[in-house]
Amino acid sequence: MRADAVRGHLDGLLLAVLEPGPLHGYAIIAAVQRRSGGVLELRTGTIYPALNRLERLGLLSSSWQSAGERRRRCYELTDAGRRTLASERTAWSEFTAAIGSVLNPATPPGLAT
């Protein structure tokens, strides 16, 4: 899928995959890829700046966790992040409904009364 297709929706994608619980960066990338059926492949150079920005905005919090001898930064939603995710979902539903009504009208053109 084209990278520009994700632009504008990255925040919502990241918040959504963090909804069940904390994840580190590579697990976030894997979750997006898995949940999209392999269609969306995010790069580390894309998600880490976004994660840092979302944390600065107060939508995520992070902490260092050890995994064996490695330390990884794990991210999780804050209450503000959960509210923002709910707003993103509402906006996405409205957007897809509007686009769907244009691309797949219920009444074929010329038959409307």
C-alpha atoms as a PDB file:
ATOM      1  CA  MET A   1       0.000   0.000   0.000  1.00  0.00           C
ATOM      2  CA  ARG A   2       1.275   3.474  -0.793  1.00  0.00           C
ATOM      3  CA  ALA A   3       2.859   5.297   2.137  1.00  0.00           C
ATOM      4  CA  ASP A   4       0.716   8.366   1.473  1.00  0.00           C
ATOM      5  CA  ALA A   5      -2.421   6.266   2.057  1.00  0.00           C
ATOM      6  CA  VAL A   6      -1.440   5.963   5.731  1.00  0.00           C
ATOM      7  CA  ARG A   7      -0.516   9.622   6.105  1.00  0.00           C
ATOM      8  CA  GLY A   8      -3.016  11.365   8.319  1.00  0.00           C
ATOM      9  CA  HIS A   9      -4.081   8.094   9.933  1.00  0.00           C
ATOM     10  CA  LEU A  10      -0.817   7.061  11.600  1.00  0.00           C
ATOM     11  CA  ASP A  11      -1.761   8.422  15.017  1.00  0.00           C
ATOM     12  CA  GLY A  12      -5.007   6.467  15.038  1.00  0.00           C
ATOM     13  CA  LEU A  13      -3.237   3.288  13.935  1.00  0.00           C
ATOM     14  CA  LEU A  14      -0.629   3.585  16.676  1.00  0.00           C
ATOM     15  CA  LEU A  15      -3.190   4.385  19.361  1.00  0.00           C
ATOM     16  CA  ALA A  16      -5.362   1.459  18.262  1.00  0.00           C
ATOM     17  CA  VAL A  17      -2.617  -1.157  18.445  1.00  0.00           C
ATOM     18  CA  LEU A  18      -1.643   0.124  21.902  1.00  0.00           C
ATOM     19  CA  GLU A  19      -5.199  -0.091  23.220  1.00  0.00           C
ATOM     20  CA  PRO A  20      -4.858  -3.670  24.564  1.00  0.00           C
ATOM     21  CA  GLY A  21      -1.664  -2.848  26.462  1.00  0.00           C
ATOM     22  CA  PRO A  22       1.942  -1.658  26.325  1.00  0.00           C
ATOM     23  CA  LEU A  23       4.199  -2.601  23.406  1.00  0.00           C
ATOM     24  CA  HIS A  24       7.708  -1.740  22.281  1.00  0.00           C
ATOM     25  CA  GLY A  25       8.418  -0.251  18.851  1.00  0.00           C
ATOM     26  CA  TYR A  26       9.005  -3.412  16.842  1.00  0.00           C
ATOM     27  CA  ALA A  27       5.954  -5.057  18.430  1.00  0.00           C
ATOM     28  CA  ILE A  28       3.895  -2.027  17.374  1.00  0.00           C
ATOM     29  CA  ILE A  29       5.128  -2.408  13.787  1.00  0.00           C
ATOM     30  CA  ALA A  30       4.321  -6.134  13.873  1.00  0.00           C
ATOM     31  CA  ALA A  31       0.849  -5.487  15.344  1.00  0.00           C
ATOM     32  CA  VAL A  32      -0.046  -3.010  12.595  1.00  0.00           C
ATOM     33  CA  GLN A  33       1.192  -5.420   9.948  1.00  0.00           C
ATOM     34  CA  ARG A  34      -0.647  -8.383  11.492  1.00  0.00           C
ATOM     35  CA  ARG A  35      -3.910  -6.494  12.041  1.00  0.00           C
ATOM     36  CA  SER A  36      -3.832  -5.173   8.463  1.00  0.00           C
ATOM     37  CA  GLY A  37      -3.292  -8.622   7.005  1.00  0.00           C
ATOM     38  CA  GLY A  38       0.203  -7.627   5.908  1.00  0.00           C
ATOM     39  CA  VAL A  39      -0.986  -4.671   3.841  1.00  0.00           C
ATOM     40  CA  LEU A  40       0.480  -1.967   6.095  1.00  0.00           C
ATOM     41  CA  GLU A  41       4.212  -2.068   6.689  1.00  0.00           C
ATOM     42  CA  LEU A  42       5.439   0.783   8.840  1.00  0.00           C
ATOM     43  CA  ARG A  43       9.098   1.680   9.121  1.00  0.00           C
ATOM     44  CA  THR A  44      10.976   2.489  12.303  1.00  0.00           C
ATOM     45  CA  GLY A  45      11.817   5.904  10.857  1.00  0.00           C
ATOM     46  CA  THR A  46       8.100   6.572  10.650  1.00  0.00           C
ATOM     47  CA  ILE A  47       6.808   5.281  13.959  1.00  0.00           C
ATOM     48  CA  TYR A  48       9.449   6.417  16.452  1.00  0.00           C
ATOM     49  CA  PRO A  49       9.044  10.136  15.696  1.00  0.00           C
ATOM     50  CA  ALA A  50       5.256   9.636  15.834  1.00  0.00           C
ATOM     51  CA  LEU A  51       5.477   7.789  19.169  1.00  0.00           C
ATOM     52  CA  ASN A  52       7.667  10.552  20.609  1.00  0.00           C
ATOM     53  CA  ARG A  53       5.227  13.206  19.378  1.00  0.00           C
ATOM     54  CA  LEU A  54       2.226  11.342  20.825  1.00  0.00           C
ATOM     55  CA  GLU A  55       4.059  11.075  24.135  1.00  0.00           C
ATOM     56  CA  ARG A  56       4.831  14.822  24.143  1.00  0.00           C
ATOM     57  CA  LEU A  57       1.114  15.442  23.524  1.00  0.00           C
ATOM     58  CA  GLY A  58       0.247  13.340  26.576  1.00  0.00           C
ATOM     59  CA  LEU A  59      -1.513  10.615  24.571  1.00  0.00           C
ATOM     60  CA  LEU A  60       1.107   7.977  25.413  1.00  0.00           C
ATOM     61  CA  SER A  61       3.417   7.261  28.290  1.00  0.00           C
ATOM     62  CA  SER A  62       6.560   5.192  28.057  1.00  0.00           C
ATOM     63  CA  SER A  63       8.906   3.296  30.297  1.00  0.00           C
ATOM     64  CA  TRP A  64      12.037   1.227  29.890  1.00  0.00           C
ATOM     65  CA  GLN A  65      11.573  -2.504  30.339  1.00  0.00           C
ATOM     66  CA  SER A  66      14.126  -5.278  30.304  1.00  0.00           C
ATOM     67  CA  ALA A  67      13.805  -8.288  28.025  1.00  0.00           C
ATOM     68  CA  GLY A  68      16.684 -10.547  28.875  1.00  0.00           C
ATOM     69  CA  GLU A  69      19.781  -8.407  28.542  1.00  0.00           C
ATOM     70  CA  ARG A  70      18.046  -5.874  26.304  1.00  0.00           C
ATOM     71  CA  ARG A  71      16.209  -2.772  27.427  1.00  0.00           C
ATOM     72  CA  ARG A  72      13.293  -1.579  25.335  1.00  0.00           C
ATOM     73  CA  ARG A  73      11.067   1.437  25.572  1.00  0.00           C
ATOM     74  CA  CYS A  74       7.444   0.371  25.884  1.00  0.00           C
ATOM     75  CA  TYR A  75       4.549   2.670  25.118  1.00  0.00           C
ATOM     76  CA  GLU A  76       1.022   2.665  26.483  1.00  0.00           C
ATOM     77  CA  LEU A  77      -2.108   4.761  26.150  1.00  0.00           C
ATOM     78  CA  THR A  78      -2.940   7.427  28.678  1.00  0.00           C
ATOM     79  CA  ASP A  79      -6.529   8.384  29.475  1.00  0.00           C
ATOM     80  CA  ALA A  80      -6.155  11.259  27.003  1.00  0.00           C
ATOM     81  CA  GLY A  81      -4.904   8.746  24.425  1.00  0.00           C
ATOM     82  CA  ARG A  82      -8.006   6.593  24.930  1.00  0.00           C
ATOM     83  CA  ARG A  83     -10.261   9.620  24.424  1.00  0.00           C
ATOM     84  CA  THR A  84      -8.324  10.602  21.309  1.00  0.00           C
ATOM     85  CA  LEU A  85      -8.603   7.053  19.966  1.00  0.00           C
ATOM     86  CA  ALA A  86     -12.392   7.193  20.429  1.00  0.00           C
ATOM     87  CA  SER A  87     -12.457  10.499  18.492  1.00  0.00           C
ATOM     88  CA  GLU A  88     -10.241   9.017  15.750  1.00  0.00           C
ATOM     89  CA  ARG A  89     -12.625   6.078  15.397  1.00  0.00           C
ATOM     90  CA  THR A  90     -15.632   8.374  15.100  1.00  0.00           C
ATOM     91  CA  ALA A  91     -13.877  10.560  12.529  1.00  0.00           C
ATOM     92  CA  TRP A  92     -12.794   7.464  10.557  1.00  0.00           C
ATOM     93  CA  SER A  93     -16.354   6.092  10.507  1.00  0.00           C
ATOM     94  CA  GLU A  94     -17.712   9.405   9.256  1.00  0.00           C
ATOM     95  CA  PHE A  95     -14.960   9.680   6.637  1.00  0.00           C
ATOM     96  CA  THR A  96     -15.412   6.147   5.286  1.00  0.00           C
ATOM     97  CA  ALA A  97     -19.193   6.558   5.205  1.00  0.00           C
ATOM     98  CA  ALA A  98     -18.861   9.769   3.187  1.00  0.00           C
ATOM     99  CA  ILE A  99     -16.350   8.283   0.744  1.00  0.00           C
ATOM    100  CA  GLY A 100     -18.433   5.107   0.481  1.00  0.00           C
ATOM    101  CA  SER A 101     -21.555   7.071  -0.369  1.00  0.00           C
ATOM    102  CA  VAL A 102     -19.699   8.754  -3.234  1.00  0.00           C
ATOM    103  CA  LEU A 103     -17.933   5.664  -4.571  1.00  0.00           C
ATOM    104  CA  ASN A 104     -20.863   3.286  -4.066  1.00  0.00           C
ATOM    105  CA  PRO A 105     -24.078   5.325  -4.126  1.00  0.00           C
ATOM    106  CA  ALA A 106     -27.201   3.535  -2.909  1.00  0.00           C
ATOM    107  CA  THR A 107     -29.234   4.886  -5.808  1.00  0.00           C
ATOM    108  CA  PRO A 108     -27.640   4.785  -9.270  1.00  0.00           C
ATOM    109  CA  PRO A 109     -27.253   8.234 -10.902  1.00  0.00           C
ATOM    110  CA  GLY A 110     -30.232   9.310 -12.943  1.00  0.00           C
ATOM    111  CA  LEU A 111     -32.716   7.191 -10.940  1.00  0.00           C
ATOM    112  CA  ALA A 112     -33.050   9.539  -7.952  1.00  0.00           C
ATOM    113  CA  THR A 113     -36.421  11.202  -7.530  1.00  0.00           C
END
